[in-house]
């Protein structure tokens, strides 16, 4: 009989935005005690409220028992420094914006705050985990854990291994992924990994089609939903991910992989106008 792996007892999440809050919510719902790190008191309070609201919504939709949701919320603490992470934390997931220097600095600080056995992970969707590992004293205990938005209902985690990632670390992260009720794929470190590279290629071509007047966003998305059975079209997904996030990934892949990932003019224009998708109310669709 197959048994479900146990989640880590203590988890730290650096960054309490949409992705970080979703990661924290998922581990708390699975039974972990979670410490979320934000940059100041107000941001920490907002992150805590975001996680609590997510657990409440999960209960309202029947995904989680109401008493279990309340218990999960009680297991979440928000702090303002990585130095406040409990020493016995077993897993720290960094989930801050796609800035390599910011991520590396926070991961290095977290490594100093926790015990040597703790696994460190980055939720980066495109930055080289090998470069992030270079900032650490114990790179064998580090890997990429790329979650997908919205984290609580997404079933995939992309585990990204750097050359120094140990087999034990990968096995442990795989078990914790399954403890969340999610499935993993394992990929070697490369620009965009597997998911971001393929997803971005489709998204950029869809944007070019809008730019060239081939079809409108709804028609393109419907083609992929009904014709290819995608659960969501590439332009609606771009709105959910954030046009600024898509642009940053495209610029990185353009630099590392070449012209085929050059950001379309329309994407740059929308980001310049502040049309970033759902989070600003306007992207390829209106979210008001």
C-alpha atoms as a PDB file:
ATOM      1  CA  UNK A   1       0.000   0.000   0.000  1.00  0.00           C
ATOM      2  CA  UNK A   2       1.342   3.430  -0.978  1.00  0.00           C
ATOM      3  CA  UNK A   3       1.496   5.958   1.839  1.00  0.00           C
ATOM      4  CA  UNK A   4       1.347   9.715   1.355  1.00  0.00           C
ATOM      5  CA  UNK A   5       4.607  11.419   2.387  1.00  0.00           C
ATOM      6  CA  UNK A   6       4.448  13.737   5.386  1.00  0.00           C
ATOM      7  CA  UNK A   7       4.859  17.474   4.831  1.00  0.00           C
ATOM      8  CA  UNK A   8       7.686  19.348   6.548  1.00  0.00           C
ATOM      9  CA  UNK A   9       6.830  20.304  10.108  1.00  0.00           C
ATOM     10  CA  UNK A  10       8.258  23.834   9.836  1.00  0.00           C
ATOM     11  CA  UNK A  11       8.310  25.877   6.618  1.00  0.00           C
ATOM     12  CA  UNK A  12       9.584  29.358   5.901  1.00  0.00           C
ATOM     13  CA  UNK A  13       8.340  31.375   2.918  1.00  0.00           C
ATOM     14  CA  UNK A  14      10.224  34.530   1.943  1.00  0.00           C
ATOM     15  CA  UNK A  15       7.773  36.873   0.235  1.00  0.00           C
ATOM     16  CA  UNK A  16       4.068  37.098   0.916  1.00  0.00           C
ATOM     17  CA  UNK A  17       2.748  38.200  -2.473  1.00  0.00           C
ATOM     18  CA  UNK A  18       0.370  36.145  -4.602  1.00  0.00           C
ATOM     19  CA  UNK A  19       2.839  33.286  -5.128  1.00  0.00           C
ATOM     20  CA  UNK A  20       4.371  33.312  -1.661  1.00  0.00           C
ATOM     21  CA  UNK A  21       0.968  33.460   0.000  1.00  0.00           C
ATOM     22  CA  UNK A  22      -0.236  30.562  -2.134  1.00  0.00           C
ATOM     23  CA  UNK A  23       2.809  28.470  -1.194  1.00  0.00           C
ATOM     24  CA  UNK A  24       2.330  29.299   2.477  1.00  0.00           C
ATOM     25  CA  UNK A  25      -1.381  28.471   2.276  1.00  0.00           C
ATOM     26  CA  UNK A  26      -0.682  25.117   0.655  1.00  0.00           C
ATOM     27  CA  UNK A  27       1.830  24.022   3.288  1.00  0.00           C
ATOM     28  CA  UNK A  28      -0.347  25.277   6.146  1.00  0.00           C
ATOM     29  CA  UNK A  29      -3.339  23.379   4.768  1.00  0.00           C
ATOM     30  CA  UNK A  30      -1.176  20.235   4.575  1.00  0.00           C
ATOM     31  CA  UNK A  31      -0.292  20.557   8.271  1.00  0.00           C
ATOM     32  CA  UNK A  32       2.965  22.543   8.316  1.00  0.00           C
ATOM     33  CA  UNK A  33       3.634  25.474  10.618  1.00  0.00           C
ATOM     34  CA  UNK A  34       4.583  28.340   8.293  1.00  0.00           C
ATOM     35  CA  UNK A  35       6.600  31.499   8.904  1.00  0.00           C
ATOM     36  CA  UNK A  36       6.190  34.122   6.167  1.00  0.00           C
ATOM     37  CA  UNK A  37       8.853  36.808   5.833  1.00  0.00           C
ATOM     38  CA  UNK A  38       8.031  40.256   4.461  1.00  0.00           C
ATOM     39  CA  UNK A  39       9.976  43.511   4.377  1.00  0.00           C
ATOM     40  CA  UNK A  40       7.993  45.507   6.951  1.00  0.00           C
ATOM     41  CA  UNK A  41       5.140  45.263   9.436  1.00  0.00           C
ATOM     42  CA  UNK A  42       2.451  46.451   7.020  1.00  0.00           C
ATOM     43  CA  UNK A  43       3.517  44.016   4.298  1.00  0.00           C
ATOM     44  CA  UNK A  44       3.669  41.178   6.823  1.00  0.00           C
ATOM     45  CA  UNK A  45       0.131  41.943   7.986  1.00  0.00           C
ATOM     46  CA  UNK A  46      -1.100  42.072   4.392  1.00  0.00           C
ATOM     47  CA  UNK A  47       0.546  38.728   3.647  1.00  0.00           C
ATOM     48  CA  UNK A  48      -1.059  37.133   6.707  1.00  0.00           C
ATOM     49  CA  UNK A  49      -4.468  38.497   5.705  1.00  0.00           C
ATOM     50  CA  UNK A  50      -3.977  37.214   2.137  1.00  0.00           C
ATOM     51  CA  UNK A  51      -3.212  33.691   3.383  1.00  0.00           C
ATOM     52  CA  UNK A  52      -6.122  33.719   5.836  1.00  0.00           C
ATOM     53  CA  UNK A  53      -8.474  34.890   3.081  1.00  0.00           C
ATOM     54  CA  UNK A  54      -7.206  32.114   0.802  1.00  0.00           C
ATOM     55  CA  UNK A  55      -7.896  29.482   3.460  1.00  0.00           C
ATOM     56  CA  UNK A  56     -11.352  30.943   4.074  1.00  0.00           C
ATOM     57  CA  UNK A  57     -12.109  30.793   0.347  1.00  0.00           C
ATOM     58  CA  UNK A  58     -10.918  27.180   0.211  1.00  0.00           C
ATOM     59  CA  UNK A  59     -13.389  26.330   2.966  1.00  0.00           C
ATOM     60  CA  UNK A  60     -16.228  28.217   1.270  1.00  0.00           C
ATOM     61  CA  UNK A  61     -15.635  26.287  -1.945  1.00  0.00           C
ATOM     62  CA  UNK A  62     -15.497  22.954  -0.180  1.00  0.00           C
ATOM     63  CA  UNK A  63     -11.814  22.295  -0.871  1.00  0.00           C
ATOM     64  CA  UNK A  64     -10.990  22.321   2.836  1.00  0.00           C
ATOM     65  CA  UNK A  65     -13.011  21.629   5.956  1.00  0.00           C
ATOM     66  CA  UNK A  66     -13.829  24.835   7.838  1.00  0.00           C
ATOM     67  CA  UNK A  67     -12.238  23.669  11.060  1.00  0.00           C
ATOM     68  CA  UNK A  68      -9.148  22.551   9.141  1.00  0.00           C
ATOM     69  CA  UNK A  69      -8.966  25.975   7.477  1.00  0.00           C
ATOM     70  CA  UNK A  70      -9.092  27.714  10.866  1.00  0.00           C
ATOM     71  CA  UNK A  71      -6.405  25.398  12.243  1.00  0.00           C
ATOM     72  CA  UNK A  72      -4.230  26.050   9.188  1.00  0.00           C
ATOM     73  CA  UNK A  73      -4.589  29.812   9.645  1.00  0.00           C
ATOM     74  CA  UNK A  74      -3.462  29.436  13.260  1.00  0.00           C
ATOM     75  CA  UNK A  75      -0.275  27.761  12.021  1.00  0.00           C
ATOM     76  CA  UNK A  76       0.771  30.829   9.977  1.00  0.00           C
ATOM     77  CA  UNK A  77       3.017  33.539  11.397  1.00  0.00           C
ATOM     78  CA  UNK A  78       4.240  36.629   9.547  1.00  0.00           C
ATOM     79  CA  UNK A  79       7.560  38.299  10.443  1.00  0.00           C
ATOM     80  CA  UNK A  80       9.718  41.079   9.024  1.00  0.00           C
ATOM     81  CA  UNK A  81      13.191  39.506   8.773  1.00  0.00           C
ATOM     82  CA  UNK A  82      14.719  36.198   7.699  1.00  0.00           C
ATOM     83  CA  UNK A  83      16.602  36.261  11.006  1.00  0.00           C
ATOM     84  CA  UNK A  84      13.240  35.462  12.644  1.00  0.00           C
ATOM     85  CA  UNK A  85      12.906  32.132  10.862  1.00  0.00           C
ATOM     86  CA  UNK A  86      12.839  29.326  13.454  1.00  0.00           C
ATOM     87  CA  UNK A  87      16.168  27.530  13.677  1.00  0.00           C
ATOM     88  CA  UNK A  88      14.470  24.147  13.206  1.00  0.00           C
ATOM     89  CA  UNK A  89      12.764  25.143   9.939  1.00  0.00           C
ATOM     90  CA  UNK A  90      13.004  22.197   7.520  1.00  0.00           C
ATOM     91  CA  UNK A  91      12.254  24.019   4.263  1.00  0.00           C
ATOM     92  CA  UNK A  92      12.623  27.648   3.197  1.00  0.00           C
ATOM     93  CA  UNK A  93      11.046  28.699  -0.111  1.00  0.00           C
ATOM     94  CA  UNK A  94      12.055  32.073  -1.522  1.00  0.00           C
ATOM     95  CA  UNK A  95       9.233  33.690  -3.532  1.00  0.00           C
ATOM     96  CA  UNK A  96      10.233  37.310  -4.157  1.00  0.00           C
ATOM     97  CA  UNK A  97      10.308  39.129  -7.548  1.00  0.00           C
ATOM     98  CA  UNK A  98      12.596  37.871 -10.327  1.00  0.00           C
ATOM     99  CA  UNK A  99      15.686  39.798  -9.263  1.00  0.00           C
ATOM    100  CA  UNK A 100      18.735  37.534  -9.010  1.00  0.00           C
ATOM    101  CA  UNK A 101      20.642  39.728  -6.555  1.00  0.00           C
ATOM    102  CA  UNK A 102      17.609  40.097  -4.281  1.00  0.00           C
ATOM    103  CA  UNK A 103      16.937  36.358  -4.297  1.00  0.00           C
ATOM    104  CA  UNK A 104      20.563  35.401  -3.701  1.00  0.00           C
ATOM    105  CA  UNK A 105      20.912  37.818  -0.799  1.00  0.00           C
ATOM    106  CA  UNK A 106      17.769  36.585   0.931  1.00  0.00           C
ATOM    107  CA  UNK A 107      18.648  32.938   0.419  1.00  0.00           C
ATOM    108  CA  UNK A 108      22.133  33.492   1.853  1.00  0.00           C
ATOM    109  CA  UNK A 109      20.658  35.264   4.882  1.00  0.00           C
ATOM    110  CA  UNK A 110      18.126  32.469   5.378  1.00  0.00           C
ATOM    111  CA  UNK A 111      20.898  29.872   5.236  1.00  0.00           C
ATOM    112  CA  UNK A 112      22.544  31.596   8.201  1.00  0.00           C
ATOM    113  CA  UNK A 113      19.294  31.662  10.175  1.00  0.00           C
ATOM    114  CA  UNK A 114      18.361  27.980   9.933  1.00  0.00           C
ATOM    115  CA  UNK A 115      20.069  24.689  10.738  1.00  0.00           C
ATOM    116  CA  UNK A 116      22.426  22.993   8.284  1.00  0.00           C
ATOM    117  CA  UNK A 117      19.862  20.294   7.472  1.00  0.00           C
ATOM    118  CA  UNK A 118      17.279  22.770   6.153  1.00  0.00           C
ATOM    119  CA  UNK A 119      16.444  22.591   2.454  1.00  0.00           C
ATOM    120  CA  UNK A 120      16.492  25.947   0.673  1.00  0.00           C
ATOM    121  CA  UNK A 121      14.481  26.480  -2.500  1.00  0.00           C
ATOM    122  CA  UNK A 122      13.711  29.255  -4.958  1.00  0.00           C
ATOM    123  CA  UNK A 123      10.363  29.662  -6.659  1.00  0.00           C
ATOM    124  CA  UNK A 124      12.046  31.372  -9.620  1.00  0.00           C
ATOM    125  CA  UNK A 125      10.357  30.717 -12.941  1.00  0.00           C
ATOM    126  CA  UNK A 126      13.371  31.485 -15.125  1.00  0.00           C
ATOM    127  CA  UNK A 127      16.539  32.575 -13.296  1.00  0.00           C
ATOM    128  CA  UNK A 128      19.436  30.071 -13.214  1.00  0.00           C
ATOM    129  CA  UNK A 129      19.344  28.133  -9.942  1.00  0.00           C
ATOM    130  CA  UNK A 130      23.052  27.391 -10.409  1.00  0.00           C
ATOM    131  CA  UNK A 131      23.823  31.103 -10.046  1.00  0.00           C
ATOM    132  CA  UNK A 132      21.604  31.381  -6.964  1.00  0.00           C
ATOM    133  CA  UNK A 133      23.318  28.335  -5.462  1.00  0.00           C
ATOM    134  CA  UNK A 134      26.681  30.092  -5.821  1.00  0.00           C
ATOM    135  CA  UNK A 135      25.645  32.488  -3.038  1.00  0.00           C
ATOM    136  CA  UNK A 136      25.201  29.630  -0.566  1.00  0.00           C
ATOM    137  CA  UNK A 137      27.605  27.816   1.692  1.00  0.00           C
ATOM    138  CA  UNK A 138      25.647  24.559   1.368  1.00  0.00           C
ATOM    139  CA  UNK A 139      24.538  24.362  -2.292  1.00  0.00           C
ATOM    140  CA  UNK A 140      23.825  20.620  -1.985  1.00  0.00           C
ATOM    141  CA  UNK A 141      20.757  21.530   0.082  1.00  0.00           C
ATOM    142  CA  UNK A 142      19.366  23.910  -2.556  1.00  0.00           C
ATOM    143  CA  UNK A 143      17.123  23.507  -5.619  1.00  0.00           C
ATOM    144  CA  UNK A 144      14.381  25.261  -7.540  1.00  0.00           C
ATOM    145  CA  UNK A 145      10.769  24.583  -6.514  1.00  0.00           C
ATOM    146  CA  UNK A 146       8.744  26.339  -9.204  1.00  0.00           C
ATOM    147  CA  UNK A 147       5.084  26.484  -8.153  1.00  0.00           C
ATOM    148  CA  UNK A 148       2.294  27.581 -10.473  1.00  0.00           C
ATOM    149  CA  UNK A 149      -0.405  30.212 -10.041  1.00  0.00           C
ATOM    150  CA  UNK A 150      -2.818  29.870  -8.320  1.00  0.00           C
ATOM    151  CA  UNK A 151      -0.706  27.650  -6.076  1.00  0.00           C
ATOM    152  CA  UNK A 152      -3.460  26.109  -3.886  1.00  0.00           C
ATOM    153  CA  UNK A 153      -5.299  24.568  -6.856  1.00  0.00           C
ATOM    154  CA  UNK A 154      -2.418  24.042  -9.298  1.00  0.00           C
ATOM    155  CA  UNK A 155      -1.217  20.435  -9.318  1.00  0.00           C
ATOM    156  CA  UNK A 156       2.309  20.884 -10.729  1.00  0.00           C
ATOM    157  CA  UNK A 157       5.643  21.738  -9.118  1.00  0.00           C
ATOM    158  CA  UNK A 158       8.738  21.948 -11.312  1.00  0.00           C
ATOM    159  CA  UNK A 159      11.797  20.783  -9.352  1.00  0.00           C
ATOM    160  CA  UNK A 160      14.961  22.274 -10.832  1.00  0.00           C
ATOM    161  CA  UNK A 161      18.314  20.765  -9.942  1.00  0.00           C
ATOM    162  CA  UNK A 162      21.650  22.574 -10.053  1.00  0.00           C
ATOM    163  CA  UNK A 163      24.880  20.576 -10.505  1.00  0.00           C
ATOM    164  CA  UNK A 164      25.508  20.589  -6.733  1.00  0.00           C
ATOM    165  CA  UNK A 165      21.956  19.633  -5.689  1.00  0.00           C
ATOM    166  CA  UNK A 166      22.210  16.350  -3.790  1.00  0.00           C
ATOM    167  CA  UNK A 167      20.076  13.323  -4.535  1.00  0.00           C
ATOM    168  CA  UNK A 168      18.861  13.415  -0.936  1.00  0.00           C
ATOM    169  CA  UNK A 169      17.656  16.998  -1.344  1.00  0.00           C
ATOM    170  CA  UNK A 170      15.760  16.119  -4.525  1.00  0.00           C
ATOM    171  CA  UNK A 171      14.181  13.053  -2.895  1.00  0.00           C
ATOM    172  CA  UNK A 172      13.102  15.109   0.123  1.00  0.00           C
ATOM    173  CA  UNK A 173      11.629  17.884  -2.042  1.00  0.00           C
ATOM    174  CA  UNK A 174       9.800  15.298  -4.143  1.00  0.00           C
ATOM    175  CA  UNK A 175       8.187  13.831  -1.039  1.00  0.00           C
ATOM    176  CA  UNK A 176       7.118  17.236   0.225  1.00  0.00           C
ATOM    177  CA  UNK A 177       5.650  18.089  -3.177  1.00  0.00           C
ATOM    178  CA  UNK A 178       3.540  14.946  -3.059  1.00  0.00           C
ATOM    179  CA  UNK A 179       2.534  15.687   0.523  1.00  0.00           C
ATOM    180  CA  UNK A 180       0.829  18.808  -0.857  1.00  0.00           C
ATOM    181  CA  UNK A 181      -1.184  16.607  -3.236  1.00  0.00           C
ATOM    182  CA  UNK A 182       0.828  17.896  -6.199  1.00  0.00           C
ATOM    183  CA  UNK A 183       2.852  16.165  -8.908  1.00  0.00           C
ATOM    184  CA  UNK A 184       6.452  16.987  -9.740  1.00  0.00           C
ATOM    185  CA  UNK A 185       8.559  17.102 -12.841  1.00  0.00           C
ATOM    186  CA  UNK A 186      12.338  17.148 -12.476  1.00  0.00           C
ATOM    187  CA  UNK A 187      14.409  19.263 -14.864  1.00  0.00           C
ATOM    188  CA  UNK A 188      18.050  20.240 -15.027  1.00  0.00           C
ATOM    189  CA  UNK A 189      18.898  23.909 -14.692  1.00  0.00           C
ATOM    190  CA  UNK A 190      18.586  25.661 -18.063  1.00  0.00           C
ATOM    191  CA  UNK A 191      17.160  29.023 -19.217  1.00  0.00           C
ATOM    192  CA  UNK A 192      13.411  29.025 -18.593  1.00  0.00           C
ATOM    193  CA  UNK A 193      13.520  25.404 -17.433  1.00  0.00           C
ATOM    194  CA  UNK A 194      10.806  23.383 -19.236  1.00  0.00           C
ATOM    195  CA  UNK A 195       7.544  25.062 -18.277  1.00  0.00           C
ATOM    196  CA  UNK A 196       8.467  28.745 -18.601  1.00  0.00           C
ATOM    197  CA  UNK A 197      10.255  28.243 -21.910  1.00  0.00           C
ATOM    198  CA  UNK A 198       7.347  26.416 -23.529  1.00  0.00           C
ATOM    199  CA  UNK A 199       4.655  28.551 -21.939  1.00  0.00           C
ATOM    200  CA  UNK A 200       6.396  31.774 -22.880  1.00  0.00           C
ATOM    201  CA  UNK A 201       6.937  30.678 -26.491  1.00  0.00           C
ATOM    202  CA  UNK A 202       3.187  30.170 -26.873  1.00  0.00           C
ATOM    203  CA  UNK A 203       2.316  33.366 -25.029  1.00  0.00           C
ATOM    204  CA  UNK A 204       4.680  35.559 -27.053  1.00  0.00           C
ATOM    205  CA  UNK A 205       3.381  34.186 -30.355  1.00  0.00           C
ATOM    206  CA  UNK A 206      -0.207  34.837 -29.207  1.00  0.00           C
ATOM    207  CA  UNK A 207       0.754  38.457 -28.417  1.00  0.00           C
ATOM    208  CA  UNK A 208       2.346  38.826 -31.855  1.00  0.00           C
ATOM    209  CA  UNK A 209      -0.872  37.559 -33.438  1.00  0.00           C
ATOM    210  CA  UNK A 210      -2.861  40.264 -31.630  1.00  0.00           C
ATOM    211  CA  UNK A 211      -0.235  42.832 -32.624  1.00  0.00           C
ATOM    212  CA  UNK A 212      -0.483  41.773 -36.286  1.00  0.00           C
ATOM    213  CA  UNK A 213      -4.286  41.802 -36.290  1.00  0.00           C
ATOM    214  CA  UNK A 214      -4.612  38.064 -36.918  1.00  0.00           C
ATOM    215  CA  UNK A 215      -7.334  37.734 -34.267  1.00  0.00           C
ATOM    216  CA  UNK A 216      -8.444  39.212 -30.970  1.00  0.00           C
ATOM    217  CA  UNK A 217      -7.410  37.831 -27.575  1.00  0.00           C
ATOM    218  CA  UNK A 218     -10.689  35.995 -26.978  1.00  0.00           C
ATOM    219  CA  UNK A 219     -10.546  34.255 -30.359  1.00  0.00           C
ATOM    220  CA  UNK A 220      -6.938  33.162 -29.862  1.00  0.00           C
ATOM    221  CA  UNK A 221      -7.651  31.869 -26.364  1.00  0.00           C
ATOM    222  CA  UNK A 222     -10.763  30.031 -27.534  1.00  0.00           C
ATOM    223  CA  UNK A 223      -8.731  28.365 -30.278  1.00  0.00           C
ATOM    224  CA  UNK A 224      -6.330  26.928 -27.714  1.00  0.00           C
ATOM    225  CA  UNK A 225      -9.047  25.956 -25.237  1.00  0.00           C
ATOM    226  CA  UNK A 226     -11.389  24.237 -27.654  1.00  0.00           C
ATOM    227  CA  UNK A 227      -8.967  23.185 -30.353  1.00  0.00           C
ATOM    228  CA  UNK A 228      -6.088  21.993 -28.174  1.00  0.00           C
ATOM    229  CA  UNK A 229      -7.871  21.379 -24.851  1.00  0.00           C
ATOM    230  CA  UNK A 230      -5.800  23.904 -22.901  1.00  0.00           C
ATOM    231  CA  UNK A 231      -7.632  24.787 -19.665  1.00  0.00           C
ATOM    232  CA  UNK A 232      -6.902  28.471 -20.291  1.00  0.00           C
ATOM    233  CA  UNK A 233      -5.805  30.450 -23.329  1.00  0.00           C
ATOM    234  CA  UNK A 234      -2.290  31.971 -23.448  1.00  0.00           C
ATOM    235  CA  UNK A 235      -3.458  35.594 -23.269  1.00  0.00           C
ATOM    236  CA  UNK A 236      -5.748  35.128 -20.308  1.00  0.00           C
ATOM    237  CA  UNK A 237      -2.920  33.228 -18.622  1.00  0.00           C
ATOM    238  CA  UNK A 238      -0.584  36.136 -19.378  1.00  0.00           C
ATOM    239  CA  UNK A 239      -3.021  38.449 -17.608  1.00  0.00           C
ATOM    240  CA  UNK A 240      -3.045  36.162 -14.563  1.00  0.00           C
ATOM    241  CA  UNK A 241       0.738  35.775 -14.455  1.00  0.00           C
ATOM    242  CA  UNK A 242       1.268  39.503 -15.030  1.00  0.00           C
ATOM    243  CA  UNK A 243       2.472  41.160 -18.215  1.00  0.00           C
ATOM    244  CA  UNK A 244       5.449  42.612 -16.330  1.00  0.00           C
ATOM    245  CA  UNK A 245       6.457  39.141 -15.175  1.00  0.00           C
ATOM    246  CA  UNK A 246       6.114  37.776 -18.714  1.00  0.00           C
ATOM    247  CA  UNK A 247       8.205  40.658 -20.063  1.00  0.00           C
ATOM    248  CA  UNK A 248      10.986  40.076 -17.520  1.00  0.00           C
ATOM    249  CA  UNK A 249      11.149  36.378 -18.394  1.00  0.00           C
ATOM    250  CA  UNK A 250      11.100  37.153 -22.116  1.00  0.00           C
ATOM    251  CA  UNK A 251      13.976  39.607 -21.739  1.00  0.00           C
ATOM    252  CA  UNK A 252      16.003  37.030 -19.822  1.00  0.00           C
ATOM    253  CA  UNK A 253      15.361  34.288 -22.388  1.00  0.00           C
ATOM    254  CA  UNK A 254      15.996  36.703 -25.243  1.00  0.00           C
ATOM    255  CA  UNK A 255      19.434  37.342 -23.758  1.00  0.00           C
ATOM    256  CA  UNK A 256      20.232  33.679 -23.113  1.00  0.00           C
ATOM    257  CA  UNK A 257      18.454  31.837 -25.931  1.00  0.00           C
ATOM    258  CA  UNK A 258      18.252  34.345 -28.742  1.00  0.00           C
ATOM    259  CA  UNK A 259      15.883  36.197 -31.016  1.00  0.00           C
ATOM    260  CA  UNK A 260      12.994  33.732 -30.840  1.00  0.00           C
ATOM    261  CA  UNK A 261      12.196  35.081 -27.364  1.00  0.00           C
ATOM    262  CA  UNK A 262      12.356  38.780 -28.284  1.00  0.00           C
ATOM    263  CA  UNK A 263       9.486  40.558 -26.487  1.00  0.00           C
ATOM    264  CA  UNK A 264       6.779  41.829 -28.887  1.00  0.00           C
ATOM    265  CA  UNK A 265       6.325  45.586 -29.143  1.00  0.00           C
ATOM    266  CA  UNK A 266       2.732  45.266 -27.873  1.00  0.00           C
ATOM    267  CA  UNK A 267       3.897  43.602 -24.666  1.00  0.00           C
ATOM    268  CA  UNK A 268       6.391  46.389 -23.978  1.00  0.00           C
ATOM    269  CA  UNK A 269       3.774  49.060 -24.689  1.00  0.00           C
ATOM    270  CA  UNK A 270       1.210  47.537 -22.352  1.00  0.00           C
ATOM    271  CA  UNK A 271       3.709  47.217 -19.530  1.00  0.00           C
ATOM    272  CA  UNK A 272       4.809  50.826 -20.064  1.00  0.00           C
ATOM    273  CA  UNK A 273       1.149  51.914 -19.764  1.00  0.00           C
ATOM    274  CA  UNK A 274       0.738  49.942 -16.549  1.00  0.00           C
ATOM    275  CA  UNK A 275      -1.586  47.393 -18.148  1.00  0.00           C
ATOM    276  CA  UNK A 276      -0.170  44.436 -16.229  1.00  0.00           C
ATOM    277  CA  UNK A 277      -3.194  42.119 -16.223  1.00  0.00           C
ATOM    278  CA  UNK A 278      -5.528  41.148 -13.422  1.00  0.00           C
ATOM    279  CA  UNK A 279      -3.481  42.833 -10.691  1.00  0.00           C
ATOM    280  CA  UNK A 280      -4.012  46.270 -12.284  1.00  0.00           C
ATOM    281  CA  UNK A 281      -7.462  45.563 -13.735  1.00  0.00           C
ATOM    282  CA  UNK A 282      -6.399  45.746 -17.379  1.00  0.00           C
ATOM    283  CA  UNK A 283      -4.196  43.599 -19.613  1.00  0.00           C
ATOM    284  CA  UNK A 284      -5.394  41.793 -22.700  1.00  0.00           C
ATOM    285  CA  UNK A 285      -8.743  41.662 -20.894  1.00  0.00           C
ATOM    286  CA  UNK A 286     -10.561  44.062 -18.600  1.00  0.00           C
ATOM    287  CA  UNK A 287     -10.755  42.703 -15.022  1.00  0.00           C
ATOM    288  CA  UNK A 288     -12.839  45.496 -13.539  1.00  0.00           C
END
